[in-house]
Amino acid sequence: VPGYIGFDATAPSLHIGSLVQIMMLRRLQQTGHKPIVLM
């Protein structure tokens, strides 16, 4: 399953409020699926 999460580029770094979303993409890949990071 290709799945994505979107992140707006309002600063040169995300903060830890976005870390749960990033970890969701990591879990997607860990279980054999395709993570797509939408900037």
PDB file of all heavy atoms in Angstrom:
ATOM      1  N   VAL A   1       0.845  -1.197   0.000  1.00  0.00           N
ATOM      2  CA  VAL A   1       0.000   0.000   0.000  1.00  0.00           C
ATOM      3  C   VAL A   1       0.880   1.247   0.000  1.00  0.00           C
ATOM      4  O   VAL A   1       1.596   1.495   0.971  1.00  0.00           O
ATOM      5  CB  VAL A   1      -0.928   0.029   1.233  1.00  0.00           C
ATOM      6  CG1 VAL A   1      -1.760   1.315   1.239  1.00  0.00           C
ATOM      7  CG2 VAL A   1      -1.826  -1.192   1.254  1.00  0.00           C
ATOM      8  N   PRO A   2       0.863   2.035  -1.082  1.00  0.00           N
ATOM      9  CA  PRO A   2       1.541   3.330  -1.028  1.00  0.00           C
ATOM     10  C   PRO A   2       0.692   4.315  -0.218  1.00  0.00           C
ATOM     11  O   PRO A   2      -0.494   4.508  -0.508  1.00  0.00           O
ATOM     12  CB  PRO A   2       1.611   3.757  -2.506  1.00  0.00           C
ATOM     13  CG  PRO A   2       1.287   2.527  -3.303  1.00  0.00           C
ATOM     14  CD  PRO A   2       0.357   1.732  -2.430  1.00  0.00           C
ATOM     15  N   GLY A   3       1.288   4.891   0.814  1.00  0.00           N
ATOM     16  CA  GLY A   3       0.570   5.833   1.663  1.00  0.00           C
ATOM     17  C   GLY A   3       1.393   7.086   1.883  1.00  0.00           C
ATOM     18  O   GLY A   3       2.627   7.048   1.827  1.00  0.00           O
ATOM     19  N   TYR A   4       0.712   8.196   2.115  1.00  0.00           N
ATOM     20  CA  TYR A   4       1.464   9.456   2.255  1.00  0.00           C
ATOM     21  C   TYR A   4       0.940  10.302   3.401  1.00  0.00           C
ATOM     22  O   TYR A   4      -0.184  10.139   3.883  1.00  0.00           O
ATOM     23  CB  TYR A   4       1.423  10.245   0.946  1.00  0.00           C
ATOM     24  CG  TYR A   4       0.206  11.126   0.730  1.00  0.00           C
ATOM     25  CD1 TYR A   4       0.246  12.492   1.006  1.00  0.00           C
ATOM     26  CD2 TYR A   4      -0.988  10.603   0.235  1.00  0.00           C
ATOM     27  CE1 TYR A   4      -0.862  13.305   0.793  1.00  0.00           C
ATOM     28  CE2 TYR A   4      -2.094  11.407   0.014  1.00  0.00           C
ATOM     29  CZ  TYR A   4      -2.028  12.761   0.296  1.00  0.00           C
ATOM     30  OH  TYR A   4      -3.126  13.561   0.096  1.00  0.00           O
ATOM     31  N   ILE A   5       1.798  11.218   3.820  1.00  0.00           N
ATOM     32  CA  ILE A   5       1.450  12.284   4.764  1.00  0.00           C
ATOM     33  C   ILE A   5       2.060  13.556   4.211  1.00  0.00           C
ATOM     34  O   ILE A   5       3.189  13.553   3.704  1.00  0.00           O
ATOM     35  CB  ILE A   5       1.991  12.007   6.181  1.00  0.00           C
ATOM     36  CG1 ILE A   5       1.394  10.709   6.742  1.00  0.00           C
ATOM     37  CG2 ILE A   5       1.670  13.173   7.119  1.00  0.00           C
ATOM     38  CD1 ILE A   5       1.933  10.320   8.111  1.00  0.00           C
ATOM     39  N   GLY A   6       1.330  14.663   4.319  1.00  0.00           N
ATOM     40  CA  GLY A   6       1.818  15.942   3.817  1.00  0.00           C
ATOM     41  C   GLY A   6       2.392  16.809   4.924  1.00  0.00           C
ATOM     42  O   GLY A   6       1.911  16.799   6.063  1.00  0.00           O
ATOM     43  N   PHE A   7       3.443  17.557   4.570  1.00  0.00           N
ATOM     44  CA  PHE A   7       4.102  18.473   5.509  1.00  0.00           C
ATOM     45  C   PHE A   7       4.351  19.795   4.792  1.00  0.00           C
ATOM     46  O   PHE A   7       4.983  19.810   3.730  1.00  0.00           O
ATOM     47  CB  PHE A   7       5.442  17.897   5.992  1.00  0.00           C
ATOM     48  CG  PHE A   7       5.341  16.555   6.651  1.00  0.00           C
ATOM     49  CD1 PHE A   7       5.368  15.385   5.891  1.00  0.00           C
ATOM     50  CD2 PHE A   7       5.208  16.438   8.027  1.00  0.00           C
ATOM     51  CE1 PHE A   7       5.272  14.133   6.487  1.00  0.00           C
ATOM     52  CE2 PHE A   7       5.106  15.188   8.632  1.00  0.00           C
ATOM     53  CZ  PHE A   7       5.136  14.041   7.860  1.00  0.00           C
ATOM     54  N   ASP A   8       3.870  20.886   5.352  1.00  0.00           N
ATOM     55  CA  ASP A   8       4.172  22.188   4.773  1.00  0.00           C
ATOM     56  C   ASP A   8       5.556  22.646   5.214  1.00  0.00           C
ATOM     57  O   ASP A   8       6.021  22.324   6.306  1.00  0.00           O
ATOM     58  CB  ASP A   8       3.117  23.221   5.169  1.00  0.00           C
ATOM     59  CG  ASP A   8       1.879  23.148   4.281  1.00  0.00           C
ATOM     60  OD1 ASP A   8       1.948  22.478   3.233  1.00  0.00           O
ATOM     61  OD2 ASP A   8       0.855  23.758   4.629  1.00  0.00           O
ATOM     62  N   ALA A   9       6.207  23.408   4.333  1.00  0.00           N
ATOM     63  CA  ALA A   9       7.608  23.800   4.553  1.00  0.00           C
ATOM     64  C   ALA A   9       7.687  25.229   5.078  1.00  0.00           C
ATOM     65  O   ALA A   9       8.266  26.115   4.454  1.00  0.00           O
ATOM     66  CB  ALA A   9       8.391  23.650   3.249  1.00  0.00           C
ATOM     67  N   THR A  10       7.131  25.448   6.261  1.00  0.00           N
ATOM     68  CA  THR A  10       7.085  26.797   6.815  1.00  0.00           C
ATOM     69  C   THR A  10       8.331  27.163   7.622  1.00  0.00           C
ATOM     70  O   THR A  10       8.497  28.313   8.031  1.00  0.00           O
ATOM     71  CB  THR A  10       5.851  26.962   7.712  1.00  0.00           C
ATOM     72  OG1 THR A  10       5.852  25.930   8.703  1.00  0.00           O
ATOM     73  CG2 THR A  10       4.572  26.848   6.880  1.00  0.00           C
ATOM     74  N   ALA A  11       9.205  26.189   7.886  1.00  0.00           N
ATOM     75  CA  ALA A  11      10.431  26.418   8.652  1.00  0.00           C
ATOM     76  C   ALA A  11      11.484  25.422   8.155  1.00  0.00           C
ATOM     77  O   ALA A  11      11.142  24.426   7.511  1.00  0.00           O
ATOM     78  CB  ALA A  11      10.183  26.229  10.149  1.00  0.00           C
ATOM     79  N   PRO A  12      12.763  25.663   8.462  1.00  0.00           N
ATOM     80  CA  PRO A  12      13.816  24.750   7.985  1.00  0.00           C
ATOM     81  C   PRO A  12      13.861  23.427   8.728  1.00  0.00           C
ATOM     82  O   PRO A  12      14.669  22.561   8.415  1.00  0.00           O
ATOM     83  CB  PRO A  12      15.104  25.551   8.214  1.00  0.00           C
ATOM     84  CG  PRO A  12      14.774  26.525   9.285  1.00  0.00           C
ATOM     85  CD  PRO A  12      13.329  26.868   9.102  1.00  0.00           C
ATOM     86  N   SER A  13      13.003  23.247   9.729  1.00  0.00           N
ATOM     87  CA  SER A  13      12.922  21.994  10.468  1.00  0.00           C
ATOM     88  C   SER A  13      11.491  21.796  10.924  1.00  0.00           C
ATOM     89  O   SER A  13      10.763  22.761  11.183  1.00  0.00           O
ATOM     90  CB  SER A  13      13.848  22.021  11.692  1.00  0.00           C
ATOM     91  OG  SER A  13      13.623  20.909  12.547  1.00  0.00           O
ATOM     92  N   LEU A  14      11.070  20.542  11.018  1.00  0.00           N
ATOM     93  CA  LEU A  14       9.829  20.213  11.702  1.00  0.00           C
ATOM     94  C   LEU A  14      10.116  20.137  13.205  1.00  0.00           C
ATOM     95  O   LEU A  14      11.269  20.001  13.616  1.00  0.00           O
ATOM     96  CB  LEU A  14       9.291  18.872  11.213  1.00  0.00           C
ATOM     97  CG  LEU A  14       8.959  18.776   9.714  1.00  0.00           C
ATOM     98  CD1 LEU A  14       8.591  17.341   9.342  1.00  0.00           C
ATOM     99  CD2 LEU A  14       7.841  19.727   9.327  1.00  0.00           C
ATOM    100  N   HIS A  15       9.078  20.228  14.033  1.00  0.00           N
ATOM    101  CA  HIS A  15       9.295  20.032  15.469  1.00  0.00           C
ATOM    102  C   HIS A  15       8.647  18.723  15.908  1.00  0.00           C
ATOM    103  O   HIS A  15       8.055  18.006  15.090  1.00  0.00           O
ATOM    104  CB  HIS A  15       8.827  21.231  16.293  1.00  0.00           C
ATOM    105  CG  HIS A  15       7.372  21.579  16.162  1.00  0.00           C
ATOM    106  ND1 HIS A  15       6.360  20.739  16.525  1.00  0.00           N
ATOM    107  CD2 HIS A  15       6.772  22.703  15.707  1.00  0.00           C
ATOM    108  CE1 HIS A  15       5.197  21.299  16.329  1.00  0.00           C
ATOM    109  NE2 HIS A  15       5.407  22.502  15.815  1.00  0.00           N
ATOM    110  N   ILE A  16       8.767  18.398  17.180  1.00  0.00           N
ATOM    111  CA  ILE A  16       8.356  17.064  17.611  1.00  0.00           C
ATOM    112  C   ILE A  16       6.854  16.845  17.503  1.00  0.00           C
ATOM    113  O   ILE A  16       6.396  15.708  17.578  1.00  0.00           O
ATOM    114  CB  ILE A  16       8.842  16.741  19.041  1.00  0.00           C
ATOM    115  CG1 ILE A  16       8.257  17.725  20.056  1.00  0.00           C
ATOM    116  CG2 ILE A  16      10.344  16.692  19.110  1.00  0.00           C
ATOM    117  CD1 ILE A  16       8.480  17.289  21.480  1.00  0.00           C
ATOM    118  N   GLY A  17       6.085  17.902  17.294  1.00  0.00           N
ATOM    119  CA  GLY A  17       4.668  17.725  17.028  1.00  0.00           C
ATOM    120  C   GLY A  17       4.413  16.946  15.750  1.00  0.00           C
ATOM    121  O   GLY A  17       3.359  16.337  15.577  1.00  0.00           O
ATOM    122  N   SER A  18       5.396  16.943  14.834  1.00  0.00           N
ATOM    123  CA  SER A  18       5.288  16.195  13.572  1.00  0.00           C
ATOM    124  C   SER A  18       5.907  14.804  13.666  1.00  0.00           C
ATOM    125  O   SER A  18       5.792  14.022  12.724  1.00  0.00           O
ATOM    126  CB  SER A  18       5.995  16.968  12.437  1.00  0.00           C
ATOM    127  OG  SER A  18       5.385  18.210  12.205  1.00  0.00           O
ATOM    128  N   LEU A  19       6.551  14.499  14.791  1.00  0.00           N
ATOM    129  CA  LEU A  19       7.299  13.242  14.869  1.00  0.00           C
ATOM    130  C   LEU A  19       6.381  12.029  14.820  1.00  0.00           C
ATOM    131  O   LEU A  19       6.747  10.994  14.254  1.00  0.00           O
ATOM    132  CB  LEU A  19       8.166  13.218  16.129  1.00  0.00           C
ATOM    133  CG  LEU A  19       9.132  12.035  16.262  1.00  0.00           C
ATOM    134  CD1 LEU A  19      10.039  11.915  15.043  1.00  0.00           C
ATOM    135  CD2 LEU A  19       9.969  12.164  17.537  1.00  0.00           C
ATOM    136  N   VAL A  20       5.185  12.130  15.386  1.00  0.00           N
ATOM    137  CA  VAL A  20       4.280  10.983  15.339  1.00  0.00           C
ATOM    138  C   VAL A  20       3.889  10.677  13.893  1.00  0.00           C
ATOM    139  O   VAL A  20       3.749   9.514  13.504  1.00  0.00           O
ATOM    140  CB  VAL A  20       3.033  11.214  16.228  1.00  0.00           C
ATOM    141  CG1 VAL A  20       2.134  12.294  15.673  1.00  0.00           C
ATOM    142  CG2 VAL A  20       2.262   9.915  16.418  1.00  0.00           C
ATOM    143  N   GLN A  21       3.753  11.720  13.050  1.00  0.00           N
ATOM    144  CA  GLN A  21       3.434  11.495  11.634  1.00  0.00           C
ATOM    145  C   GLN A  21       4.616  10.829  10.919  1.00  0.00           C
ATOM    146  O   GLN A  21       4.429   9.921  10.095  1.00  0.00           O
ATOM    147  CB  GLN A  21       3.092  12.816  10.944  1.00  0.00           C
ATOM    148  CG  GLN A  21       2.160  13.731  11.705  1.00  0.00           C
ATOM    149  CD  GLN A  21       0.847  13.085  12.071  1.00  0.00           C
ATOM    150  OE1 GLN A  21       0.368  12.184  11.381  1.00  0.00           O
ATOM    151  NE2 GLN A  21       0.264  13.510  13.179  1.00  0.00           N
ATOM    152  N   ILE A  22       5.816  11.284  11.223  1.00  0.00           N
ATOM    153  CA  ILE A  22       7.003  10.693  10.607  1.00  0.00           C
ATOM    154  C   ILE A  22       7.131   9.224  11.018  1.00  0.00           C
ATOM    155  O   ILE A  22       7.455   8.351  10.200  1.00  0.00           O
ATOM    156  CB  ILE A  22       8.264  11.480  11.006  1.00  0.00           C
ATOM    157  CG1 ILE A  22       8.143  12.941  10.554  1.00  0.00           C
ATOM    158  CG2 ILE A  22       9.514  10.846  10.384  1.00  0.00           C
ATOM    159  CD1 ILE A  22       9.264  13.835  11.053  1.00  0.00           C
ATOM    160  N   MET A  23       6.857   8.945  12.291  1.00  0.00           N
ATOM    161  CA  MET A  23       6.919   7.559  12.752  1.00  0.00           C
ATOM    162  C   MET A  23       5.841   6.704  12.093  1.00  0.00           C
ATOM    163  O   MET A  23       6.037   5.502  11.871  1.00  0.00           O
ATOM    164  CB  MET A  23       6.788   7.506  14.275  1.00  0.00           C
ATOM    165  CG  MET A  23       7.969   8.100  15.042  1.00  0.00           C
ATOM    166  SD  MET A  23       9.555   7.283  14.695  1.00  0.00           S
ATOM    167  CE  MET A  23       9.271   5.658  15.428  1.00  0.00           C
ATOM    168  N   MET A  24       4.703   7.289  11.764  1.00  0.00           N
ATOM    169  CA  MET A  24       3.668   6.545  11.031  1.00  0.00           C
ATOM    170  C   MET A  24       4.211   6.081   9.683  1.00  0.00           C
ATOM    171  O   MET A  24       3.968   4.944   9.255  1.00  0.00           O
ATOM    172  CB  MET A  24       2.450   7.440  10.809  1.00  0.00           C
ATOM    173  CG  MET A  24       1.651   7.692  12.054  1.00  0.00           C
ATOM    174  SD  MET A  24       0.301   6.527  12.234  1.00  0.00           S
ATOM    175  CE  MET A  24      -0.873   7.212  11.088  1.00  0.00           C
ATOM    176  N   LEU A  25       4.939   6.946   8.990  1.00  0.00           N
ATOM    177  CA  LEU A  25       5.539   6.560   7.714  1.00  0.00           C
ATOM    178  C   LEU A  25       6.587   5.474   7.930  1.00  0.00           C
ATOM    179  O   LEU A  25       6.729   4.559   7.108  1.00  0.00           O
ATOM    180  CB  LEU A  25       6.152   7.782   7.032  1.00  0.00           C
ATOM    181  CG  LEU A  25       5.152   8.836   6.524  1.00  0.00           C
ATOM    182  CD1 LEU A  25       5.885  10.076   6.028  1.00  0.00           C
ATOM    183  CD2 LEU A  25       4.268   8.266   5.411  1.00  0.00           C
ATOM    184  N   ARG A  26       7.327   5.572   9.021  1.00  0.00           N
ATOM    185  CA  ARG A  26       8.310   4.541   9.354  1.00  0.00           C
ATOM    186  C   ARG A  26       7.615   3.193   9.586  1.00  0.00           C
ATOM    187  O   ARG A  26       8.083   2.146   9.107  1.00  0.00           O
ATOM    188  CB  ARG A  26       9.105   4.969  10.593  1.00  0.00           C
ATOM    189  CG  ARG A  26      10.216   3.988  11.008  1.00  0.00           C
ATOM    190  CD  ARG A  26      10.994   4.586  12.187  1.00  0.00           C
ATOM    191  NE  ARG A  26      11.969   3.670  12.726  1.00  0.00           N
ATOM    192  CZ  ARG A  26      13.220   3.531  12.266  1.00  0.00           C
ATOM    193  NH1 ARG A  26      13.627   4.251  11.227  1.00  0.00           N
ATOM    194  NH2 ARG A  26      14.066   2.686  12.833  1.00  0.00           N
ATOM    195  N   ARG A  27       6.500   3.206  10.323  1.00  0.00           N
ATOM    196  CA  ARG A  27       5.750   1.967  10.561  1.00  0.00           C
ATOM    197  C   ARG A  27       5.203   1.408   9.249  1.00  0.00           C
ATOM    198  O   ARG A  27       5.163   0.186   9.063  1.00  0.00           O
ATOM    199  CB  ARG A  27       4.592   2.209  11.525  1.00  0.00           C
ATOM    200  CG  ARG A  27       4.963   2.801  12.880  1.00  0.00           C
ATOM    201  CD  ARG A  27       6.012   2.017  13.621  1.00  0.00           C
ATOM    202  NE  ARG A  27       6.264   2.571  14.950  1.00  0.00           N
ATOM    203  CZ  ARG A  27       7.394   2.437  15.611  1.00  0.00           C
ATOM    204  NH1 ARG A  27       8.409   1.780  15.071  1.00  0.00           N
ATOM    205  NH2 ARG A  27       7.548   2.967  16.821  1.00  0.00           N
ATOM    206  N   LEU A  28       4.778   2.283   8.361  1.00  0.00           N
ATOM    207  CA  LEU A  28       4.285   1.841   7.059  1.00  0.00           C
ATOM    208  C   LEU A  28       5.373   1.053   6.334  1.00  0.00           C
ATOM    209  O   LEU A  28       5.124  -0.032   5.796  1.00  0.00           O
ATOM    210  CB  LEU A  28       3.863   3.070   6.241  1.00  0.00           C
ATOM    211  CG  LEU A  28       3.074   2.846   4.951  1.00  0.00           C
ATOM    212  CD1 LEU A  28       1.669   2.359   5.252  1.00  0.00           C
ATOM    213  CD2 LEU A  28       3.012   4.138   4.128  1.00  0.00           C
ATOM    214  N   GLN A  29       6.590   1.582   6.340  1.00  0.00           N
ATOM    215  CA  GLN A  29       7.701   0.910   5.668  1.00  0.00           C
ATOM    216  C   GLN A  29       8.121  -0.354   6.412  1.00  0.00           C
ATOM    217  O   GLN A  29       8.436  -1.376   5.786  1.00  0.00           O
ATOM    218  CB  GLN A  29       8.885   1.870   5.540  1.00  0.00           C
ATOM    219  CG  GLN A  29      10.006   1.356   4.663  1.00  0.00           C
ATOM    220  CD  GLN A  29      11.023   2.438   4.329  1.00  0.00           C
ATOM    221  OE1 GLN A  29      11.570   3.087   5.210  1.00  0.00           O
ATOM    222  NE2 GLN A  29      11.274   2.641   3.042  1.00  0.00           N
ATOM    223  N   GLN A  30       8.108  -0.316   7.729  1.00  0.00           N
ATOM    224  CA  GLN A  30       8.502  -1.487   8.511  1.00  0.00           C
ATOM    225  C   GLN A  30       7.584  -2.687   8.268  1.00  0.00           C
ATOM    226  O   GLN A  30       8.005  -3.834   8.449  1.00  0.00           O
ATOM    227  CB  GLN A  30       8.506  -1.141  10.009  1.00  0.00           C
ATOM    228  CG  GLN A  30       9.670  -0.267  10.430  1.00  0.00           C
ATOM    229  CD  GLN A  30       9.565   0.170  11.890  1.00  0.00           C
ATOM    230  OE1 GLN A  30       8.470   0.239  12.458  1.00  0.00           O
ATOM    231  NE2 GLN A  30      10.705   0.477  12.507  1.00  0.00           N
ATOM    232  N   THR A  31       6.356  -2.423   7.875  1.00  0.00           N
ATOM    233  CA  THR A  31       5.410  -3.521   7.641  1.00  0.00           C
ATOM    234  C   THR A  31       5.259  -3.843   6.153  1.00  0.00           C
ATOM    235  O   THR A  31       4.285  -4.479   5.744  1.00  0.00           O
ATOM    236  CB  THR A  31       4.030  -3.185   8.246  1.00  0.00           C
ATOM    237  OG1 THR A  31       3.600  -1.889   7.790  1.00  0.00           O
ATOM    238  CG2 THR A  31       4.091  -3.191   9.762  1.00  0.00           C
ATOM    239  N   GLY A  32       6.228  -3.410   5.337  1.00  0.00           N
ATOM    240  CA  GLY A  32       6.274  -3.826   3.950  1.00  0.00           C
ATOM    241  C   GLY A  32       5.493  -2.975   2.973  1.00  0.00           C
ATOM    242  O   GLY A  32       5.176  -3.432   1.862  1.00  0.00           O
ATOM    243  N   HIS A  33       5.222  -1.721   3.332  1.00  0.00           N
ATOM    244  CA  HIS A  33       4.477  -0.835   2.442  1.00  0.00           C
ATOM    245  C   HIS A  33       5.345   0.356   2.034  1.00  0.00           C
ATOM    246  O   HIS A  33       6.486   0.478   2.475  1.00  0.00           O
ATOM    247  CB  HIS A  33       3.175  -0.396   3.108  1.00  0.00           C
ATOM    248  CG  HIS A  33       2.301  -1.559   3.477  1.00  0.00           C
ATOM    249  ND1 HIS A  33       1.544  -2.237   2.555  1.00  0.00           N
ATOM    250  CD2 HIS A  33       2.113  -2.189   4.665  1.00  0.00           C
ATOM    251  CE1 HIS A  33       0.903  -3.224   3.155  1.00  0.00           C
ATOM    252  NE2 HIS A  33       1.239  -3.229   4.438  1.00  0.00           N
ATOM    253  N   LYS A  34       4.814   1.227   1.195  1.00  0.00           N
ATOM    254  CA  LYS A  34       5.623   2.288   0.581  1.00  0.00           C
ATOM    255  C   LYS A  34       5.252   3.663   1.144  1.00  0.00           C
ATOM    256  O   LYS A  34       4.148   4.160   0.899  1.00  0.00           O
ATOM    257  CB  LYS A  34       5.432   2.300  -0.928  1.00  0.00           C
ATOM    258  CG  LYS A  34       6.374   3.261  -1.664  1.00  0.00           C
ATOM    259  CD  LYS A  34       6.212   3.151  -3.167  1.00  0.00           C
ATOM    260  CE  LYS A  34       7.234   4.024  -3.903  1.00  0.00           C
ATOM    261  NZ  LYS A  34       8.613   3.505  -3.725  1.00  0.00           N
ATOM    262  N   PRO A  35       6.164   4.307   1.883  1.00  0.00           N
ATOM    263  CA  PRO A  35       5.885   5.640   2.411  1.00  0.00           C
ATOM    264  C   PRO A  35       6.221   6.737   1.395  1.00  0.00           C
ATOM    265  O   PRO A  35       7.285   6.712   0.759  1.00  0.00           O
ATOM    266  CB  PRO A  35       6.795   5.737   3.635  1.00  0.00           C
ATOM    267  CG  PRO A  35       7.936   4.821   3.342  1.00  0.00           C
ATOM    268  CD  PRO A  35       7.439   3.763   2.396  1.00  0.00           C
ATOM    269  N   ILE A  36       5.317   7.687   1.258  1.00  0.00           N
ATOM    270  CA  ILE A  36       5.534   8.833   0.378  1.00  0.00           C
ATOM    271  C   ILE A  36       5.444  10.091   1.233  1.00  0.00           C
ATOM    272  O   ILE A  36       4.432  10.342   1.895  1.00  0.00           O
ATOM    273  CB  ILE A  36       4.505   8.867  -0.762  1.00  0.00           C
ATOM    274  CG1 ILE A  36       4.705   7.641  -1.669  1.00  0.00           C
ATOM    275  CG2 ILE A  36       4.618  10.157  -1.572  1.00  0.00           C
ATOM    276  CD1 ILE A  36       3.611   7.423  -2.670  1.00  0.00           C
ATOM    277  N   VAL A  37       6.527  10.853   1.234  1.00  0.00           N
ATOM    278  CA  VAL A  37       6.582  12.114   1.971  1.00  0.00           C
ATOM    279  C   VAL A  37       6.179  13.223   1.008  1.00  0.00           C
ATOM    280  O   VAL A  37       6.879  13.493   0.033  1.00  0.00           O
ATOM    281  CB  VAL A  37       7.993  12.387   2.523  1.00  0.00           C
ATOM    282  CG1 VAL A  37       7.998  13.673   3.345  1.00  0.00           C
ATOM    283  CG2 VAL A  37       8.506  11.207   3.339  1.00  0.00           C
ATOM    284  N   LEU A  38       5.056  13.835   1.262  1.00  0.00           N
ATOM    285  CA  LEU A  38       4.599  14.937   0.408  1.00  0.00           C
ATOM    286  C   LEU A  38       5.010  16.260   1.040  1.00  0.00           C
ATOM    287  O   LEU A  38       4.519  16.628   2.108  1.00  0.00           O
ATOM    288  CB  LEU A  38       3.081  14.892   0.238  1.00  0.00           C
ATOM    289  CG  LEU A  38       2.482  16.110  -0.481  1.00  0.00           C
ATOM    290  CD1 LEU A  38       2.980  16.191  -1.924  1.00  0.00           C
ATOM    291  CD2 LEU A  38       0.958  16.077  -0.444  1.00  0.00           C
ATOM    292  N   MET A  39       5.914  16.964   0.397  1.00  0.00           N
ATOM    293  CA  MET A  39       6.276  18.298   0.841  1.00  0.00           C
ATOM    294  C   MET A  39       5.363  19.308   0.146  1.00  0.00           C
ATOM    295  O   MET A  39       5.173  19.256  -1.069  1.00  0.00           O
ATOM    296  CB  MET A  39       7.740  18.606   0.518  1.00  0.00           C
ATOM    297  CG  MET A  39       8.741  17.786   1.304  1.00  0.00           C
ATOM    298  SD  MET A  39       8.474  17.789   3.104  1.00  0.00           S
ATOM    299  CE  MET A  39       8.410  19.542   3.449  1.00  0.00           C
TER     300      MET A  39
END
